[in-house]
Protein backbone atom coordinates (compact mmCIF):
# COMPACT_ATOMS: atom_id res chain seq x y z
CA MET A 1 -259.14 -136.55 -67.45
CA THR A 2 -260.17 -136.29 -63.77
CA GLN A 3 -258.33 -133.97 -61.81
CA ALA A 4 -258.45 -135.06 -58.31
CA MET A 5 -255.76 -132.59 -57.03
CA LYS A 6 -257.17 -129.48 -59.24
CA GLY A 7 -256.57 -126.28 -56.61
CA VAL A 8 -253.92 -127.75 -54.90
CA ARG A 9 -250.41 -125.87 -55.24
CA VAL A 10 -247.05 -127.77 -54.54
CA LEU A 11 -244.04 -125.98 -53.67
CA GLU A 12 -241.17 -128.16 -54.73
CA VAL A 13 -237.82 -127.45 -53.82
CA ALA A 14 -236.10 -130.92 -54.66
CA GLN A 15 -233.61 -132.38 -56.91
CA PHE A 16 -232.97 -135.71 -58.86
CA ILE A 17 -235.69 -138.14 -58.59
CA PHE A 18 -237.26 -139.15 -55.16
CA ALA A 19 -239.27 -136.32 -54.14
CA PRO A 20 -239.35 -134.97 -57.73
CA SER A 21 -240.96 -137.84 -59.03
CA ALA A 22 -243.88 -137.33 -56.29
CA GLY A 23 -244.40 -133.76 -57.85
CA VAL A 24 -244.95 -135.67 -61.16
CA ILE A 25 -247.72 -137.78 -59.60
CA LEU A 26 -249.34 -134.90 -57.94
CA ALA A 27 -249.29 -132.98 -61.14
CA GLU A 28 -250.66 -135.73 -62.93
CA TRP A 29 -253.50 -136.01 -60.59
CA GLY A 30 -254.29 -131.77 -61.24
CA ALA A 31 -251.79 -130.12 -58.91
CA ASP A 32 -249.94 -127.27 -60.10
CA VAL A 33 -246.20 -127.99 -59.54
CA VAL A 34 -244.08 -125.28 -58.64
CA LYS A 35 -240.51 -126.55 -59.26
CA ILE A 36 -237.48 -123.88 -57.73
CA GLU A 37 -234.69 -124.61 -59.56
CA HIS A 38 -230.83 -122.81 -59.25
CA PRO A 39 -230.90 -119.87 -62.08
CA VAL A 40 -227.60 -121.07 -63.20
CA ARG A 41 -227.64 -124.76 -63.03
CA GLY A 42 -231.03 -126.12 -62.64
CA ASP A 43 -231.58 -129.61 -61.41
CA PRO A 44 -228.16 -131.44 -61.32
CA GLN A 45 -230.14 -134.12 -63.02
CA ARG A 46 -230.28 -132.19 -66.10
CA GLY A 47 -226.44 -132.63 -66.42
CA LEU A 48 -226.68 -136.28 -66.94
CA ALA A 49 -225.13 -137.22 -70.24
CA ARG A 50 -225.72 -140.93 -70.02
CA LEU A 51 -227.97 -143.51 -68.38
CA GLY A 52 -227.22 -147.48 -68.80
CA GLY A 53 -224.72 -146.65 -71.27
CA LEU A 54 -226.73 -144.61 -73.50
CA ALA A 55 -226.40 -141.00 -74.70
CA ILE A 56 -228.91 -138.70 -73.43
CA ASN A 57 -230.32 -136.19 -75.64
CA PRO A 58 -231.11 -133.32 -73.40
CA ASP A 59 -234.07 -132.39 -75.50
CA ARG A 60 -235.48 -135.81 -74.82
CA ASN A 61 -234.30 -136.71 -71.42
CA PRO A 62 -236.15 -139.82 -70.30
CA VAL A 63 -234.81 -139.06 -66.68
CA LEU A 64 -236.28 -135.42 -66.79
CA GLU A 65 -239.59 -136.39 -68.43
CA HIS A 66 -240.05 -139.21 -65.57
CA ALA A 67 -239.27 -136.96 -62.80
CA ASN A 68 -240.42 -133.34 -63.84
CA ARG A 69 -243.01 -133.46 -66.78
CA GLY A 70 -246.47 -131.70 -65.94
CA LYS A 71 -244.65 -128.68 -63.77
CA ARG A 72 -243.61 -125.32 -64.02
CA SER A 73 -240.14 -124.50 -63.40
CA VAL A 74 -238.73 -121.27 -61.58
CA GLY A 75 -235.29 -120.11 -61.26
CA ILE A 76 -234.53 -119.02 -57.84
CA ASP A 77 -231.30 -118.91 -55.81
CA VAL A 78 -232.23 -120.27 -52.73
CA SER A 79 -228.85 -119.38 -50.88
CA THR A 80 -229.60 -115.46 -51.11
CA ALA A 81 -231.95 -113.30 -48.76
CA GLU A 82 -234.14 -112.00 -51.87
CA GLY A 83 -234.35 -115.77 -53.38
CA GLN A 84 -235.29 -116.88 -49.77
CA GLN A 85 -237.94 -113.86 -49.59
CA LEU A 86 -239.52 -115.46 -52.80
CA ILE A 87 -239.76 -118.70 -51.66
CA TYR A 88 -241.98 -117.38 -48.61
CA GLU A 89 -244.04 -115.22 -51.01
CA ILE A 90 -244.58 -118.35 -52.96
CA ALA A 91 -245.33 -120.66 -49.79
CA LYS A 92 -248.13 -118.17 -48.84
CA THR A 93 -250.27 -119.27 -51.78
CA ALA A 94 -249.06 -123.23 -51.62
CA ASP A 95 -250.89 -126.16 -50.06
CA VAL A 96 -247.77 -128.26 -50.36
CA PHE A 97 -243.78 -127.77 -49.12
CA LEU A 98 -242.25 -130.72 -50.64
CA THR A 99 -238.31 -130.96 -50.28
CA ASN A 100 -235.67 -133.55 -50.62
CA TYR A 101 -232.75 -131.21 -48.91
CA LEU A 102 -230.89 -132.34 -46.09
CA PRO A 103 -231.79 -131.02 -42.48
CA SER A 104 -228.42 -129.17 -42.16
CA HIS A 105 -229.05 -127.54 -45.73
CA ARG A 106 -232.65 -126.65 -44.65
CA GLN A 107 -231.62 -124.52 -42.12
CA LYS A 108 -228.64 -123.17 -43.54
CA LEU A 109 -231.29 -121.97 -46.30
CA ASN A 110 -233.85 -120.87 -43.88
CA ILE A 111 -236.52 -123.46 -45.58
CA ASP A 112 -237.05 -126.06 -42.74
CA VAL A 113 -240.40 -126.60 -41.29
CA ALA A 114 -240.67 -123.68 -38.85
CA HIS A 115 -239.36 -120.93 -41.70
CA ILE A 116 -242.12 -121.86 -44.01
CA ARG A 117 -244.62 -122.51 -41.43
CA ALA A 118 -243.72 -118.97 -39.98
CA VAL A 119 -245.66 -117.80 -43.24
CA ASN A 120 -248.13 -120.39 -43.76
CA PRO A 121 -249.05 -122.13 -40.79
CA LYS A 122 -251.38 -124.48 -42.59
CA ILE A 123 -248.82 -125.52 -45.26
CA ILE A 124 -247.97 -129.38 -44.90
CA TYR A 125 -244.33 -130.05 -45.04
CA ALA A 126 -243.23 -132.98 -47.12
CA ARG A 127 -239.64 -134.44 -46.63
CA ALA A 128 -237.86 -137.11 -48.59
CA SER A 129 -234.76 -138.56 -47.41
CA ALA A 130 -232.40 -141.35 -48.03
CA TYR A 131 -232.39 -142.75 -44.01
CA GLY A 132 -235.12 -140.73 -42.05
CA GLU A 133 -235.79 -137.71 -40.49
CA LYS A 134 -235.02 -139.01 -37.05
CA GLY A 135 -231.70 -140.69 -35.72
CA PRO A 136 -227.88 -140.34 -35.82
CA GLU A 137 -227.68 -140.37 -39.78
CA ARG A 138 -230.62 -138.20 -40.50
CA ASP A 139 -228.18 -135.51 -42.54
CA VAL A 140 -226.70 -138.38 -44.68
CA GLY A 141 -227.81 -138.36 -48.12
CA GLY A 142 -228.01 -141.25 -50.27
CA PHE A 143 -229.55 -142.69 -53.86
CA ASP A 144 -231.78 -145.07 -54.19
CA VAL A 145 -228.73 -147.67 -55.18
CA THR A 146 -227.46 -147.13 -51.71
CA ALA A 147 -230.27 -146.61 -49.34
CA PHE A 148 -233.16 -148.38 -51.24
CA TRP A 149 -231.26 -151.02 -52.57
CA SER A 150 -227.80 -151.93 -50.93
CA ARG A 151 -228.37 -151.28 -47.21
CA SER A 152 -231.77 -152.37 -46.77
CA GLY A 153 -231.05 -156.10 -47.60
CA LEU A 154 -232.83 -156.04 -51.25
CA ALA A 155 -229.63 -156.66 -53.10
CA HIS A 156 -228.34 -159.10 -50.55
CA ALA A 157 -231.69 -160.80 -50.56
CA MET A 158 -232.05 -160.48 -54.80
CA THR A 159 -228.28 -162.08 -55.68
CA PRO A 160 -227.92 -165.87 -55.26
CA GLU A 161 -225.34 -166.71 -52.78
CA GLU A 162 -222.90 -167.93 -55.63
CA LEU A 163 -222.61 -164.79 -57.37
CA ALA A 164 -219.18 -162.73 -56.55
CA ALA A 165 -221.02 -159.53 -56.19
CA PRO A 166 -224.60 -158.27 -55.34
CA LEU A 167 -226.82 -157.83 -58.17
CA MET A 168 -228.11 -154.03 -59.02
CA PRO A 169 -231.09 -152.71 -59.94
CA GLY A 170 -231.40 -152.48 -63.81
CA VAL A 171 -233.60 -149.89 -64.25
CA GLY A 172 -232.94 -146.08 -63.44
CA GLY A 173 -234.82 -144.59 -60.34
CA PHE A 174 -236.45 -147.73 -59.32
CA GLY A 175 -236.69 -147.10 -55.49
CA ASP A 176 -236.88 -143.47 -56.31
CA SER A 177 -240.30 -143.70 -57.86
CA MET A 178 -241.83 -146.27 -55.27
CA GLY A 179 -241.05 -143.69 -52.60
CA GLY A 180 -242.08 -141.18 -54.93
CA MET A 181 -245.63 -142.65 -55.00
CA ASN A 182 -245.38 -143.28 -51.18
CA ILE A 183 -244.80 -139.56 -50.72
CA ALA A 184 -247.68 -138.80 -53.02
CA ALA A 185 -249.83 -140.95 -51.03
CA GLY A 186 -248.93 -139.13 -47.82
CA ILE A 187 -249.56 -135.83 -49.30
CA SER A 188 -252.97 -136.93 -50.20
CA ALA A 189 -253.62 -138.02 -46.69
CA ALA A 190 -252.20 -135.06 -44.96
CA LEU A 191 -254.69 -133.03 -47.49
CA PHE A 192 -257.63 -134.85 -46.69
CA HIS A 193 -256.99 -134.62 -42.57
CA ARG A 194 -256.50 -130.83 -42.97
CA GLU A 195 -260.00 -130.60 -44.73
CA LYS A 196 -261.40 -132.48 -41.97
CA THR A 197 -259.63 -131.05 -39.05
CA GLY A 198 -257.81 -127.69 -39.85
CA GLU A 199 -254.26 -129.43 -39.14
CA ALA A 200 -251.24 -129.31 -41.24
CA MET A 201 -249.06 -132.38 -41.32
CA GLU A 202 -245.31 -133.33 -41.51
CA ILE A 203 -244.84 -135.86 -43.82
CA ASP A 204 -241.83 -138.29 -43.89
CA VAL A 205 -240.91 -140.80 -46.58
CA SER A 206 -237.32 -142.28 -46.54
CA LEU A 207 -235.84 -144.67 -49.34
CA LEU A 208 -234.83 -147.04 -46.50
CA SER A 209 -238.38 -147.05 -45.16
CA THR A 210 -239.86 -147.59 -48.90
CA ALA A 211 -237.26 -150.35 -49.54
CA TRP A 212 -238.62 -152.05 -46.25
CA TRP A 213 -242.17 -151.76 -47.04
CA VAL A 214 -241.73 -153.31 -50.31
CA SER A 215 -239.47 -156.24 -48.86
CA GLY A 216 -242.29 -156.22 -45.59
CA ILE A 217 -242.63 -160.19 -46.17
CA GLY A 218 -238.74 -160.54 -45.76
CA VAL A 219 -238.44 -158.42 -43.16
CA ASN A 220 -241.17 -160.13 -41.17
CA THR A 221 -240.11 -163.45 -42.12
CA ALA A 222 -236.50 -162.46 -40.93
CA THR A 223 -237.61 -160.86 -37.20
CA MET A 224 -239.85 -163.63 -36.62
CA SER A 225 -237.34 -166.39 -37.77
CA ALA A 226 -233.87 -164.53 -37.63
CA LYS A 227 -233.28 -166.18 -40.69
CA GLY A 228 -233.29 -164.69 -44.27
CA THR A 229 -234.34 -165.96 -47.46
CA ARG A 230 -232.18 -165.28 -50.89
CA ASN A 231 -232.78 -165.43 -54.43
CA ARG A 232 -231.50 -169.04 -56.01
CA MET A 233 -229.49 -169.32 -58.95
CA PRO A 234 -232.11 -168.90 -62.12
CA HIS A 235 -232.57 -172.26 -63.90
CA VAL A 236 -234.88 -173.71 -66.29
CA GLY A 237 -237.92 -175.75 -65.18
CA GLY A 238 -239.89 -176.03 -61.99
CA SER A 239 -239.03 -175.45 -58.32
CA PRO A 240 -238.60 -177.86 -55.82
CA SER A 241 -241.84 -179.37 -54.86
CA ALA A 242 -243.39 -176.89 -56.63
CA PRO A 243 -243.50 -177.81 -60.39
CA PHE A 244 -245.78 -175.43 -61.52
CA ILE A 245 -243.67 -172.30 -60.31
CA GLY A 246 -240.45 -171.98 -62.93
CA ASN A 247 -239.17 -170.63 -66.01
CA PHE A 248 -239.40 -172.62 -69.37
CA LYS A 249 -237.63 -171.85 -72.19
CA THR A 250 -239.50 -171.87 -75.56
CA SER A 251 -238.32 -173.07 -78.97
CA ASP A 252 -237.29 -169.47 -80.21
CA GLY A 253 -235.38 -168.79 -76.89
CA GLU A 254 -237.86 -167.10 -75.16
CA THR A 255 -239.01 -167.72 -71.66
CA ILE A 256 -242.60 -168.52 -70.22
CA ASN A 257 -242.83 -167.75 -66.40
CA LEU A 258 -245.43 -170.11 -64.98
CA PHE A 259 -246.77 -169.14 -61.51
CA THR A 260 -249.36 -171.28 -60.31
CA MET A 261 -248.96 -171.49 -56.83
CA GLN A 262 -252.32 -173.98 -56.26
CA PRO A 263 -251.70 -176.80 -58.88
CA GLY A 264 -254.82 -178.58 -57.70
CA PRO A 265 -257.26 -176.72 -59.29
CA HIS A 266 -255.33 -176.47 -62.60
CA PHE A 267 -253.43 -179.38 -63.25
CA ARG A 268 -255.73 -180.75 -65.52
CA SER A 269 -255.87 -177.54 -67.78
CA LEU A 270 -251.91 -176.88 -68.03
CA PHE A 271 -251.45 -180.58 -69.09
CA GLU A 272 -254.34 -180.51 -71.88
CA HIS A 273 -252.67 -177.05 -73.11
CA LEU A 274 -249.36 -178.52 -73.33
CA GLY A 275 -250.49 -181.63 -75.32
CA LEU A 276 -250.14 -183.98 -71.97
CA ALA A 277 -253.68 -184.81 -71.41
CA LYS A 278 -253.07 -188.16 -70.18
CA LEU A 279 -250.83 -187.04 -67.46
CA ALA A 280 -253.86 -185.60 -65.99
CA ASP A 281 -254.96 -189.11 -65.13
CA ASP A 282 -251.53 -190.77 -64.30
CA PRO A 283 -251.77 -191.11 -60.39
CA ARG A 284 -248.50 -189.89 -59.89
CA PHE A 285 -249.43 -186.69 -61.05
CA ASN A 286 -253.23 -186.00 -60.66
CA GLY A 287 -253.39 -183.83 -57.60
CA ALA A 288 -251.56 -181.17 -55.51
CA GLU A 289 -249.64 -183.80 -53.37
CA VAL A 290 -248.49 -186.04 -55.95
CA LEU A 291 -247.64 -182.93 -58.07
CA MET A 292 -245.53 -181.98 -55.19
CA GLN A 293 -243.75 -185.41 -54.50
CA ASN A 294 -242.92 -185.91 -58.15
CA TRP A 295 -242.07 -182.35 -59.05
CA GLU A 296 -238.85 -183.46 -60.83
CA ALA A 297 -240.79 -185.74 -63.27
CA VAL A 298 -243.41 -183.18 -63.45
CA SER A 299 -241.11 -180.29 -64.50
CA ALA A 300 -238.94 -182.65 -67.03
CA HIS A 301 -242.43 -183.02 -68.82
CA LEU A 302 -243.21 -179.30 -68.89
CA VAL A 303 -239.81 -178.22 -69.98
CA LYS A 304 -239.85 -180.63 -72.79
CA ALA A 305 -243.39 -179.73 -73.95
CA PHE A 306 -242.69 -175.66 -73.87
CA ALA A 307 -239.40 -176.26 -75.66
CA ALA A 308 -241.63 -177.59 -78.88
CA LYS A 309 -242.96 -174.33 -79.64
CA PRO A 310 -242.63 -170.56 -79.99
CA LEU A 311 -243.64 -167.73 -77.88
CA ALA A 312 -246.13 -166.77 -79.95
CA TYR A 313 -247.64 -169.91 -79.88
CA TRP A 314 -247.85 -170.31 -76.47
CA ARG A 315 -249.15 -166.52 -75.74
CA GLU A 316 -252.07 -167.31 -77.81
CA HIS A 317 -252.60 -170.77 -76.52
CA LEU A 318 -252.43 -170.33 -73.07
CA LYS A 319 -254.73 -167.58 -73.39
CA THR A 320 -257.78 -170.32 -72.02
CA TYR A 321 -255.36 -171.98 -69.37
CA SER A 322 -257.11 -171.33 -66.20
CA GLY A 323 -253.77 -170.89 -64.15
CA GLN A 324 -251.45 -168.12 -63.72
CA TRP A 325 -248.65 -167.44 -66.39
CA ALA A 326 -246.74 -164.63 -67.89
CA PRO A 327 -244.36 -164.11 -70.78
CA VAL A 328 -240.75 -162.73 -69.46
CA GLN A 329 -240.48 -159.70 -71.77
CA SER A 330 -238.21 -157.01 -72.11
CA ILE A 331 -239.21 -153.10 -70.97
CA GLN A 332 -239.29 -152.71 -74.87
CA ASP A 333 -241.62 -155.18 -75.32
CA PHE A 334 -244.05 -153.99 -72.58
CA ALA A 335 -243.86 -150.70 -74.30
CA SER A 336 -246.04 -152.32 -77.10
CA ASP A 337 -248.17 -154.79 -75.09
CA ALA A 338 -251.65 -154.71 -75.73
CA GLN A 339 -252.93 -154.92 -72.52
CA ALA A 340 -250.73 -151.91 -71.11
CA LEU A 341 -251.95 -149.92 -74.21
CA ALA A 342 -255.32 -150.85 -73.40
CA ASN A 343 -255.16 -149.20 -69.91
CA ASP A 344 -253.27 -146.41 -71.22
CA MET A 345 -250.06 -147.00 -69.14
CA LEU A 346 -248.17 -144.86 -71.93
CA ILE A 347 -249.10 -141.06 -72.64
CA GLU A 348 -247.79 -138.63 -74.96
CA VAL A 349 -246.01 -135.19 -74.40
CA GLU A 350 -244.51 -133.09 -76.63
CA ALA A 351 -240.99 -132.80 -77.26
CA ILE A 352 -239.16 -129.34 -76.71
CA ASP A 353 -237.13 -130.57 -80.11
CA GLY A 354 -240.40 -130.17 -82.10
CA GLY A 355 -239.87 -133.95 -83.02
CA ALA A 356 -242.33 -136.63 -82.80
CA PRO A 357 -244.44 -136.79 -78.94
CA MET A 358 -242.47 -138.80 -76.26
CA GLN A 359 -243.88 -141.73 -74.83
CA VAL A 360 -243.61 -141.91 -70.96
CA ALA A 361 -245.09 -144.08 -68.43
CA ARG A 362 -247.90 -142.68 -66.74
CA GLY A 363 -248.41 -143.04 -62.94
CA PRO A 364 -250.23 -146.01 -61.58
CA VAL A 365 -253.36 -144.63 -60.54
CA GLN A 366 -256.00 -144.20 -63.15
CA PHE A 367 -259.52 -142.06 -62.19
CA ASN A 368 -262.58 -142.91 -63.83
CA LYS A 369 -260.93 -144.82 -66.54
CA GLU A 370 -259.96 -142.15 -67.88
CA ALA A 371 -256.27 -141.67 -69.60
CA ALA A 372 -254.15 -139.29 -67.86
CA THR A 373 -252.62 -135.87 -70.11
CA THR A 374 -249.75 -133.83 -68.90
CA THR A 375 -247.04 -131.64 -70.13
CA ARG A 376 -243.54 -132.04 -70.96
CA ALA A 377 -240.77 -131.69 -68.45
CA PRO A 378 -240.00 -127.78 -68.25
CA GLN A 379 -236.74 -126.05 -69.21
CA ALA A 380 -234.92 -125.14 -66.41
CA SER A 381 -236.27 -121.75 -65.45
CA GLU A 382 -238.52 -121.68 -67.97
CA HIS A 383 -241.79 -119.86 -65.94
CA THR A 384 -239.83 -117.80 -63.92
CA GLU A 385 -241.14 -114.35 -65.26
CA SER A 386 -244.62 -115.72 -66.00
CA PHE A 387 -245.07 -117.38 -62.98
CA LEU A 388 -243.62 -114.30 -60.59
CA MET A 389 -245.85 -111.77 -62.53
CA GLU A 390 -248.94 -114.29 -61.54
CA LEU A 391 -247.62 -114.04 -58.40
CA GLY A 392 -247.99 -110.57 -58.11
CA LEU A 393 -244.37 -109.04 -58.91
CA ASP A 394 -243.86 -106.16 -60.96
CA TRP A 395 -241.68 -105.97 -63.87
CA ASP A 396 -239.22 -103.48 -62.15
CA ARG A 397 -238.62 -105.98 -59.09
CA ILE A 398 -238.15 -108.54 -61.55
CA GLU A 399 -235.65 -106.83 -63.39
CA LYS A 400 -233.82 -106.13 -60.12
CA LEU A 401 -234.14 -109.58 -58.96
CA LYS A 402 -232.51 -110.73 -62.25
CA ALA A 403 -229.93 -108.55 -62.05
CA SER A 404 -228.84 -109.70 -58.43
CA GLY A 405 -228.66 -113.04 -59.59
CA ALA A 406 -231.70 -113.90 -57.24
CA ILE A 407 -233.95 -115.22 -60.11
CA ALA A 408 -232.69 -116.58 -63.98
């Protein structure tokens, strides 16, 4: 596959999902990502026992594969002087330093931008944070549920006011993964800038800024009108003044999401596909304006028509409908979606336990229409010795570092 980042080395001193997911994207694009983990504990994410109520097999860990595949793991205790010296030696060979450590921790561990730039002035220094590198809460930590989802206003906007408590994201690492893509994009731009000008930049991406970007239309609406928007309670049928926008149940209890924003060019096609061709010539329904006025009557016709056939029928029958729609699928359904598979959205990596290969979601960017290839997430400290020898350390020094506890 095309490796757009081949020759780029990323030194990742980060934990959990947000910053490490950026490392996965860069590794998938061909970068050599060296992940530093504590020599005893490893990334705290390795201790996760359950996810969404499901037990996690440590040899087939979906969280680790999402946030760490394609990397090399080197076990270094960054709190020791010997460990910090190793970080500096690696930094000399790296193009990017990627971290999500808090400012106070970076200073305490001597890995803040000034420390790293002292050994490599041309390194790009990328920081991931909960709330941003500036301001009174720069040293406050957070996860995507707190910073991305709750504080940003997303939870409030996504929760109908009738509910007693806010909805929570049903997918692990939801904001982390979006933020990781933003970090990878920023690093890419910084590498391009350095190539053109010779200047090395600092990059900051926060979970909060990621949330405000993805909800930017809502943010703009709120700032311009001083009013916010919120989800309504879900219902079956069309929306007020927009009968071609809504969820419609099929005869087998599945759901079709109809989202035809401009009904004018598509009303005849929809009525014909639903066996309601006569309605297209009815003066109450034969144009965008009258459809909006008579939306309740239109919705009733659509609800009845969709309920007459199962989802499998509609999936095939609506292929020739001129407007926009989609089946409401589970993630399990999506994993076998023919269109997703045709676009290589799932890739396989080997499993540590030697069993069947694991299927994982690839990054969203595809180069030259080629399928991505990657390796499994490393075991904690799996590459410590081989990488340090590659770096130029002799075996005597490696043994001394092991004996001191500075490395795994």
